[in-house]
Every structure is written in C-alpha cells, then in structure tokens.
Amino acid sequence: MEAANVSVAAAGVALAPGPEACSSGPSPGPGGVALPGREPPLSVFTVLVVTLLVLLIAATFLWNLLVLVTILRVRAFHRVPHTLVASTAVSDALVAALVMPLSLVSELSAGRRWRLGRGLCQVWISFDVLCCTASIWNVAAIALDRYWTISRHLQYTLRARRRASALLIALTWALSALIALAPLLFGWGEAYDARRQRCQVSQEPSYAVFSTCGAFYLPLGVVLFVYWKIYKAAKFRFGRRRRAVLPLPAAVQVKEAEAQVASGARGPGAAGREQKEQRAALMLGILIGVFALCWIPFFLAALISPLCACSLPPVWKSVFLWLGYSNSFFNPLIYTAFNKNYNNAFRSLFSKQR
C-alpha cells in the first residue's frame, strides 16, 4: 500500500536508473559521444516486467468492472452478500484506476523521483491508503457476514443481514478514510519530500503503527478468528450429520426431527444448503489465504522500517508493494469462481451484447 519510490524489477534489475547511475555522468550516444541528460535505455527484462504490470493493471480494472456491471444489471444480485462483493469490487477497481498507474509512473521516473508536484502526491497517497484499506476491510466484512449466516441463521434474517451489510460497508469506508486522511488532518508526518523529490506514505513511527494496525493487522485478526469459528461450526455440523447415520432411539429421533424443522432443514434441501455452505466456506478460506499471502510481506516491512529506521533493498520493497496490489486482481477471480450464478450471469451478459 505504501506507494513508495521503489524498483519493480527483480534480481537487482531496476525499472529506472538509481541516483548513482544518474549522477555518474552523461550516457554515451552514437559513436561513443556523451549526450548530456540522456538516460540509458531500459533492458529487455525491465520492458517485460513493465508490460506484465500494465497487463495486471488493465486486468484488475476490467475484471472488477465486469463484476460491478453484473451486480448492477442482474436483479438477483441486488442483495447481501453481493452488496459486500460490490463494495470490494469498487475498492479494487479504484486501486487499479487511481493507484497502480501512478505507482508505475513513479517506478519509471529517473532516480525514482516524484516529479508531479506536492498536491498530486498527497492526493495519490490518500487514495492509495483509502482504496487498499477499504479492499482489506471488505474482505473482513465478507468473512463476518459468512460467519453470522452460519452461526446465527435463525436470528440473522434477510432484514438483519441488509442492515448489518450496510453498517459494515459504512464502517469500512469511514475507517479507511480516517487512516488515509490522518496525516493531512492532524499533521501526522509528510508524504512529499521536496528536497529529495520523494512521495511515500508518512514514515512517522506513530503513524506507521496506527496505519498498519488499522489497515491490516486488525482486519487480519478478525478474518482469522472468524474463519476459525466457521471451521469449528462446520466440523460440529459434520459430526452431528455422521451421528445421524447411526440408529437412534425413537425419542432422540423425534427431537432431531424437531430441531431440523426449527432450523428450516427439510430432507434433501438441508443437504443442498450444507453443500452450499461448504462451498462458501472453501471460497472464504481461499480468499483469506490469498489476502494474507499478498499483504503480510508488505505490512511487515511497512511496520518495521519506520520503527528501526532501516530499509529493505528497493527491489524487495517493490516486489512486496506489487504483490499487495495484486490482491485486488485475485479477489474477483476467487469469489466469482466459486459462485455459479456469476458464471451464468457473465454468459448471459455477453450473449445479450451479441
């Protein structure tokens, strides 16, 4: 999430020449003549990396846009949990549209310097923190909704679910805005360094603790706790279903039947609902796993670096940064791959366009 001025290339190959390269003298032109102000050409590997990042930006934006269009056009999706999915798609599409392109421009600038001015730097950093934090908290909101659906399906009615969904979305964006705007509102560090021409998230140690905990470590704790509870609930249901296979006394069978009626489980429909819940739990597990793998390296570095006044090599900062950004690409892939309704809606949408 830190839109730092770092290099994207791996194995020590940078997207733009570092300060040492820029200050070592003019590069030679044709015939060995030095041309002042001329930068060395990009390597083939760097061009390949840049091409892949451009494709990642385009795919992230288009895929999230497709999810949004589908939710808006299909009336069956105008309800929870699709409203939470739509909120996630909005945040991920904004990451692709407003954050990732300027991050790539910063990577490609000579000496990794920010040449677009202080005002645009502050706007970019604010959108970076806002959209990435909202994307992370939307994953936590989806996990909470799934947990309440499984653990409180009698009390968690459609009306209650709508209210909870609206409240979760409002809290997600309000908290994200608070974390993003805190440096501007309370003078909590500076994003733009005019002397060094650097644009990055405030490195104030207290803000680093506040922003990383609020934007990642707290929602990570929420999703891990919620998924553990979902796993326990699913394990309990599976054990109860296995016990139901064994012959039971008549009185116990009557009580089991009454419990099934009270919970709305009737015959084959209950088995279908359980399969649906298992599929949703699997989707949530993969969503949380990918989310953690994408963001943990970046937020570890973002928390430790300001506190110890140390810094990772630029190439690793860049790898961690873009790995985090890639989570916005994986989110729509995961929650649509496990939902047949989205696949059918996509086919219907494209067939109507023809």
Protein backbone atom coordinates (compact mmCIF):
# COMPACT_ATOMS: atom_id res chain seq x y z
CA MET A 1 0.00 0.00 0.00
CA GLU A 2 2.94 2.27 0.50
CA ALA A 3 3.28 3.96 -2.84
CA ALA A 4 6.99 4.28 -2.37
CA ASN A 5 9.53 5.22 -4.93
CA VAL A 6 10.97 1.77 -5.37
CA SER A 7 12.08 -0.52 -8.14
CA VAL A 8 9.89 -3.18 -9.68
CA ALA A 9 12.46 -5.39 -11.30
CA ALA A 10 13.84 -8.50 -9.64
CA ALA A 11 17.34 -9.89 -9.26
CA GLY A 12 18.80 -6.43 -8.89
CA VAL A 13 17.40 -5.07 -12.16
CA ALA A 14 15.60 -1.75 -11.61
CA LEU A 15 12.88 -0.14 -13.68
CA ALA A 16 14.69 3.17 -13.62
CA PRO A 17 18.33 4.04 -13.03
CA GLY A 18 19.10 4.82 -9.42
CA PRO A 19 20.65 8.03 -8.17
CA GLU A 20 24.11 6.55 -8.59
CA ALA A 21 23.50 5.85 -12.25
CA CYS A 22 22.06 9.32 -12.79
CA SER A 23 24.96 11.08 -11.13
CA SER A 24 27.75 9.10 -12.72
CA GLY A 25 27.83 11.27 -15.80
CA PRO A 26 26.05 11.54 -19.14
CA SER A 27 25.48 8.39 -21.09
CA PRO A 28 27.30 7.85 -24.36
CA GLY A 29 25.42 8.49 -27.55
CA PRO A 30 26.05 7.08 -31.02
CA GLY A 31 29.74 6.67 -31.71
CA GLY A 32 30.62 6.91 -28.02
CA VAL A 33 29.72 10.63 -27.78
CA ALA A 34 28.25 11.55 -24.40
CA LEU A 35 24.80 13.09 -24.60
CA PRO A 36 24.02 15.16 -21.50
CA GLY A 37 20.66 14.43 -19.85
CA ARG A 38 20.14 11.26 -21.81
CA GLU A 39 19.18 8.15 -19.80
CA PRO A 40 20.37 4.63 -20.62
CA PRO A 41 17.79 2.52 -22.45
CA LEU A 42 15.68 0.06 -20.48
CA SER A 43 16.78 -3.55 -20.55
CA VAL A 44 14.69 -6.27 -22.18
CA PHE A 45 13.89 -7.75 -18.77
CA THR A 46 12.69 -4.37 -17.49
CA VAL A 47 10.46 -3.89 -20.53
CA LEU A 48 8.99 -7.35 -19.92
CA VAL A 49 8.30 -6.54 -16.26
CA VAL A 50 6.66 -3.23 -17.16
CA THR A 51 4.50 -4.97 -19.77
CA LEU A 52 3.34 -7.53 -17.21
CA LEU A 53 2.49 -4.77 -14.71
CA VAL A 54 0.49 -2.87 -17.33
CA LEU A 55 -1.43 -6.07 -18.11
CA LEU A 56 -2.02 -6.59 -14.37
CA ILE A 57 -3.43 -3.06 -14.04
CA ALA A 58 -5.74 -3.50 -17.03
CA ALA A 59 -6.93 -6.96 -15.98
CA THR A 60 -7.59 -5.83 -12.40
CA PHE A 61 -9.69 -2.87 -13.52
CA LEU A 62 -11.65 -4.73 -16.22
CA TRP A 63 -12.40 -7.79 -14.09
CA ASN A 64 -13.69 -5.72 -11.16
CA LEU A 65 -15.67 -3.55 -13.56
CA LEU A 66 -17.27 -6.69 -15.02
CA VAL A 67 -18.32 -7.81 -11.54
CA LEU A 68 -19.83 -4.39 -10.82
CA VAL A 69 -21.75 -4.29 -14.10
CA THR A 70 -23.08 -7.80 -13.48
CA ILE A 71 -24.28 -6.94 -9.98
CA LEU A 72 -25.97 -3.76 -11.22
CA ARG A 73 -27.71 -5.41 -14.19
CA VAL A 74 -28.85 -8.68 -12.59
CA ARG A 75 -31.67 -8.14 -10.09
CA ALA A 76 -30.90 -11.39 -8.26
CA PHE A 77 -27.61 -9.82 -7.15
CA HIS A 78 -29.26 -6.76 -5.56
CA ARG A 79 -28.96 -8.26 -2.07
CA VAL A 80 -26.46 -9.43 0.53
CA PRO A 81 -23.78 -10.80 0.19
CA HIS A 82 -23.47 -9.30 -3.30
CA THR A 83 -23.56 -5.77 -1.87
CA LEU A 84 -20.38 -6.61 0.06
CA VAL A 85 -18.85 -8.08 -3.10
CA ALA A 86 -19.77 -4.87 -4.94
CA SER A 87 -18.08 -2.75 -2.27
CA THR A 88 -14.95 -4.90 -2.61
CA ALA A 89 -15.04 -4.57 -6.41
CA VAL A 90 -15.36 -0.77 -6.13
CA SER A 91 -12.29 -0.51 -3.89
CA ASP A 92 -10.28 -2.90 -6.10
CA ALA A 93 -11.27 -1.10 -9.29
CA LEU A 94 -10.18 2.20 -7.73
CA VAL A 95 -6.83 0.65 -6.81
CA ALA A 96 -6.35 -0.28 -10.46
CA ALA A 97 -7.60 3.04 -11.85
CA LEU A 98 -6.09 5.59 -9.44
CA VAL A 99 -3.26 3.97 -7.51
CA MET A 100 -1.39 1.42 -9.62
CA PRO A 101 -0.82 3.61 -12.73
CA LEU A 102 0.80 6.45 -10.75
CA SER A 103 2.83 3.93 -8.80
CA LEU A 104 4.18 2.59 -12.08
CA VAL A 105 4.97 6.13 -13.27
CA SER A 106 6.89 6.71 -10.05
CA GLU A 107 8.82 3.49 -10.59
CA LEU A 108 9.83 4.54 -14.10
CA SER A 109 10.96 8.06 -13.25
CA ALA A 110 14.69 8.80 -13.32
CA GLY A 111 16.20 8.15 -9.91
CA ARG A 112 12.76 7.05 -8.74
CA ARG A 113 11.88 10.69 -8.08
CA TRP A 114 8.39 12.16 -7.90
CA ARG A 115 8.12 14.95 -10.47
CA LEU A 116 4.37 15.56 -10.39
CA GLY A 117 4.23 18.03 -7.52
CA ARG A 118 3.24 18.03 -3.86
CA GLY A 119 -0.51 18.33 -4.43
CA LEU A 120 -0.81 15.29 -6.69
CA CYS A 121 1.48 13.36 -4.34
CA GLN A 122 -0.86 13.94 -1.40
CA VAL A 123 -3.92 13.01 -3.47
CA TRP A 124 -2.25 9.84 -4.74
CA ILE A 125 -1.07 8.71 -1.31
CA SER A 126 -4.50 9.39 0.18
CA PHE A 127 -6.24 7.30 -2.49
CA ASP A 128 -3.59 4.60 -2.11
CA VAL A 129 -4.23 4.20 1.61
CA LEU A 130 -8.00 4.68 1.27
CA CYS A 131 -8.60 2.12 -1.50
CA CYS A 132 -6.19 -0.54 -0.27
CA THR A 133 -7.51 -0.30 3.30
CA ALA A 134 -11.10 -0.48 2.07
CA SER A 135 -10.27 -3.55 -0.01
CA ILE A 136 -8.78 -5.26 3.05
CA TRP A 137 -11.68 -4.39 5.37
CA ASN A 138 -14.21 -5.51 2.73
CA VAL A 139 -12.65 -9.00 2.92
CA ALA A 140 -13.17 -8.89 6.70
CA ALA A 141 -16.80 -7.80 6.17
CA ILE A 142 -17.46 -10.73 3.81
CA ALA A 143 -15.97 -13.09 6.42
CA LEU A 144 -18.17 -11.66 9.18
CA ASP A 145 -21.30 -11.95 7.04
CA ARG A 146 -20.50 -15.59 6.25
CA TYR A 147 -19.89 -16.35 9.94
CA TRP A 148 -23.18 -14.79 11.06
CA THR A 149 -25.03 -16.64 8.30
CA ILE A 150 -23.73 -19.98 9.57
CA SER A 151 -23.78 -19.39 13.32
CA ARG A 152 -26.98 -17.32 13.63
CA HIS A 153 -29.02 -18.27 10.60
CA LEU A 154 -32.30 -18.15 12.59
CA GLN A 155 -31.67 -14.68 14.04
CA TYR A 156 -29.74 -13.39 11.04
CA THR A 157 -32.79 -12.74 8.88
CA LEU A 158 -32.73 -11.05 5.49
CA ARG A 159 -33.67 -7.73 7.07
CA ALA A 160 -30.97 -8.03 9.74
CA ARG A 161 -28.47 -9.05 7.08
CA ARG A 162 -29.22 -5.99 5.00
CA ARG A 163 -28.74 -3.69 7.99
CA ALA A 164 -25.52 -5.42 9.02
CA SER A 165 -24.21 -5.24 5.45
CA ALA A 166 -24.94 -1.50 5.16
CA LEU A 167 -23.30 -0.88 8.54
CA LEU A 168 -20.20 -2.92 7.62
CA ILE A 169 -19.78 -1.07 4.32
CA ALA A 170 -20.17 2.33 6.01
CA LEU A 171 -17.67 1.45 8.75
CA THR A 172 -15.23 0.07 6.18
CA TRP A 173 -15.07 3.25 4.14
CA ALA A 174 -15.21 5.56 7.18
CA LEU A 175 -12.28 3.82 8.88
CA SER A 176 -10.34 3.73 5.61
CA ALA A 177 -10.89 7.47 5.11
CA LEU A 178 -9.75 8.19 8.68
CA ILE A 179 -6.50 6.25 8.20
CA ALA A 180 -5.87 7.81 4.78
CA LEU A 181 -6.54 11.42 5.80
CA ALA A 182 -4.98 11.36 9.28
CA PRO A 183 -1.62 12.81 8.12
CA LEU A 184 -3.39 15.69 6.36
CA LEU A 185 -5.92 16.36 9.14
CA PHE A 186 -3.60 16.05 12.14
CA GLY A 187 -0.21 16.89 10.64
CA TRP A 188 0.94 13.31 11.17
CA GLY A 189 4.06 13.32 9.02
CA GLU A 190 4.57 14.41 5.42
CA ALA A 191 4.11 12.38 2.26
CA TYR A 192 6.16 14.62 -0.05
CA ASP A 193 9.85 15.39 0.39
CA ALA A 194 10.59 18.37 -1.88
CA ARG A 195 14.35 18.22 -1.38
CA ARG A 196 14.68 14.55 -2.38
CA GLN A 197 11.60 14.59 -4.67
CA ARG A 198 10.15 11.58 -2.90
CA CYS A 199 6.48 10.71 -2.46
CA GLN A 200 5.55 8.00 0.04
CA VAL A 201 3.27 7.22 2.95
CA SER A 202 4.23 9.15 6.09
CA GLN A 203 7.18 7.49 7.83
CA GLU A 204 6.30 8.91 11.26
CA PRO A 205 6.70 5.89 13.60
CA SER A 206 3.45 6.54 15.49
CA TYR A 207 1.51 6.81 12.23
CA ALA A 208 3.18 3.64 10.93
CA VAL A 209 1.85 1.73 13.96
CA PHE A 210 -1.62 3.31 13.69
CA SER A 211 -1.99 2.81 9.93
CA THR A 212 -0.61 -0.72 9.69
CA CYS A 213 -2.64 -1.95 12.66
CA GLY A 214 -5.83 -0.26 11.47
CA ALA A 215 -5.39 -1.15 7.80
CA PHE A 216 -4.11 -4.71 8.10
CA TYR A 217 -3.30 -6.33 11.43
CA LEU A 218 -6.74 -5.69 12.97
CA PRO A 219 -8.72 -6.97 9.94
CA LEU A 220 -6.29 -9.89 9.64
CA GLY A 221 -7.05 -10.84 13.24
CA VAL A 222 -10.78 -10.54 12.52
CA VAL A 223 -10.74 -12.81 9.45
CA LEU A 224 -8.52 -15.43 11.10
CA PHE A 225 -10.74 -15.56 14.20
CA VAL A 226 -13.91 -15.67 12.11
CA TYR A 227 -12.63 -18.43 9.85
CA TRP A 228 -11.58 -20.47 12.88
CA LYS A 229 -15.15 -20.13 14.23
CA ILE A 230 -16.58 -21.11 10.85
CA TYR A 231 -14.32 -24.17 10.76
CA LYS A 232 -15.48 -25.20 14.24
CA ALA A 233 -19.15 -24.73 13.29
CA ALA A 234 -18.71 -26.76 10.09
CA LYS A 235 -16.89 -29.51 12.00
CA PHE A 236 -19.70 -29.63 14.57
CA ARG A 237 -22.34 -29.93 11.86
CA PHE A 238 -20.39 -32.64 10.07
CA GLY A 239 -20.07 -34.61 13.31
CA ARG A 240 -23.78 -34.27 14.01
CA ARG A 241 -24.62 -35.46 10.49
CA ARG A 242 -22.38 -38.51 10.96
CA ARG A 243 -24.11 -39.35 14.22
CA ALA A 244 -27.45 -39.09 12.45
CA VAL A 245 -26.43 -42.06 10.27
CA LEU A 246 -26.31 -44.34 13.34
CA PRO A 247 -29.58 -45.86 14.63
CA LEU A 248 -31.04 -43.67 17.37
CA PRO A 249 -33.73 -44.25 19.96
CA ALA A 250 -37.20 -43.16 18.92
CA ALA A 251 -37.28 -40.27 21.40
CA VAL A 252 -33.95 -38.94 20.15
CA GLN A 253 -35.12 -39.24 16.51
CA VAL A 254 -38.19 -37.14 17.33
CA LYS A 255 -36.01 -34.45 18.94
CA GLU A 256 -33.65 -34.44 15.94
CA ALA A 257 -36.60 -34.04 13.58
CA GLU A 258 -37.99 -31.17 15.64
CA ALA A 259 -34.57 -29.49 15.59
CA GLN A 260 -34.38 -29.84 11.81
CA VAL A 261 -37.85 -28.33 11.38
CA ALA A 262 -36.96 -25.46 13.72
CA SER A 263 -33.80 -24.71 11.75
CA GLY A 264 -35.54 -24.92 8.40
CA ALA A 265 -33.78 -28.12 7.30
CA ARG A 266 -36.08 -30.45 5.41
CA GLY A 267 -34.84 -33.54 3.63
CA PRO A 268 -32.75 -33.06 0.51
CA GLY A 269 -32.98 -29.27 0.84
CA ALA A 270 -30.90 -29.37 4.01
CA ALA A 271 -28.16 -31.36 2.25
CA GLY A 272 -28.16 -28.86 -0.60
CA ARG A 273 -27.87 -25.98 1.83
CA GLU A 274 -24.98 -27.68 3.62
CA GLN A 275 -23.16 -28.20 0.33
CA LYS A 276 -23.68 -24.53 -0.49
CA GLU A 277 -22.31 -23.52 2.92
CA GLN A 278 -19.29 -25.79 2.48
CA ARG A 279 -18.57 -24.25 -0.92
CA ALA A 280 -18.89 -20.75 0.53
CA ALA A 281 -16.58 -21.67 3.43
CA LEU A 282 -14.00 -23.01 0.97
CA MET A 283 -14.22 -19.81 -1.08
CA LEU A 284 -13.77 -17.74 2.07
CA GLY A 285 -10.76 -19.81 3.12
CA ILE A 286 -9.03 -19.30 -0.24
CA LEU A 287 -9.94 -15.59 -0.22
CA ILE A 288 -8.41 -15.15 3.25
CA GLY A 289 -5.34 -17.22 2.39
CA VAL A 290 -4.56 -15.25 -0.77
CA PHE A 291 -5.26 -11.98 1.06
CA ALA A 292 -2.77 -12.87 3.81
CA LEU A 293 -0.06 -14.07 1.41
CA CYS A 294 -0.36 -10.92 -0.70
CA TRP A 295 -0.26 -8.35 2.11
CA ILE A 296 1.76 -9.83 5.01
CA PRO A 297 5.23 -9.17 3.45
CA PHE A 298 4.40 -5.55 2.67
CA PHE A 299 2.88 -4.70 6.05
CA LEU A 300 5.71 -6.35 7.96
CA ALA A 301 8.15 -4.11 6.11
CA ALA A 302 5.85 -1.08 6.47
CA LEU A 303 5.72 -1.51 10.25
CA ILE A 304 9.34 -2.46 10.94
CA SER A 305 11.14 0.01 8.65
CA PRO A 306 9.97 3.28 10.33
CA LEU A 307 10.44 1.84 13.83
CA CYS A 308 14.03 0.69 13.33
CA ALA A 309 15.00 3.48 10.89
CA CYS A 310 16.14 0.79 8.48
CA SER A 311 15.15 0.00 4.93
CA LEU A 312 14.83 -3.01 2.68
CA PRO A 313 16.58 -3.06 -0.71
CA PRO A 314 14.40 -1.20 -3.23
CA VAL A 315 13.80 -4.30 -5.33
CA TRP A 316 12.22 -6.16 -2.39
CA LYS A 317 10.11 -3.15 -1.44
CA SER A 318 8.80 -3.11 -4.96
CA VAL A 319 8.07 -6.83 -5.02
CA PHE A 320 6.13 -6.56 -1.74
CA LEU A 321 4.25 -3.47 -2.96
CA TRP A 322 3.03 -5.01 -6.20
CA LEU A 323 2.30 -8.33 -4.52
CA GLY A 324 -0.10 -6.41 -2.29
CA TYR A 325 -1.64 -4.62 -5.25
CA SER A 326 -2.18 -7.98 -6.97
CA ASN A 327 -4.69 -8.92 -4.25
CA SER A 328 -7.14 -6.58 -6.00
CA PHE A 329 -6.79 -8.80 -9.07
CA PHE A 330 -7.30 -12.09 -7.20
CA ASN A 331 -10.35 -11.01 -5.18
CA PRO A 332 -12.91 -11.01 -8.04
CA LEU A 333 -11.41 -14.17 -9.52
CA ILE A 334 -11.93 -16.06 -6.26
CA TYR A 335 -15.46 -15.04 -5.33
CA THR A 336 -16.76 -15.48 -8.86
CA ALA A 337 -15.03 -18.82 -9.49
CA PHE A 338 -16.92 -20.37 -6.54
CA ASN A 339 -20.31 -18.93 -7.47
CA LYS A 340 -22.08 -20.49 -10.45
CA ASN A 341 -24.57 -17.61 -10.52
CA TYR A 342 -21.79 -15.23 -11.56
CA ASN A 343 -20.63 -17.54 -14.33
CA ASN A 344 -24.19 -17.83 -15.66
CA ALA A 345 -24.65 -14.06 -15.39
CA PHE A 346 -21.42 -13.44 -17.31
CA ARG A 347 -22.54 -15.74 -20.13
CA SER A 348 -25.97 -14.11 -20.20
CA LEU A 349 -24.44 -10.64 -20.26
CA PHE A 350 -22.12 -11.40 -23.16
CA SER A 351 -24.81 -13.24 -25.11
CA LYS A 352 -27.13 -10.23 -24.86
CA GLN A 353 -24.37 -7.96 -26.13
CA ARG A 354 -24.15 -10.08 -29.27
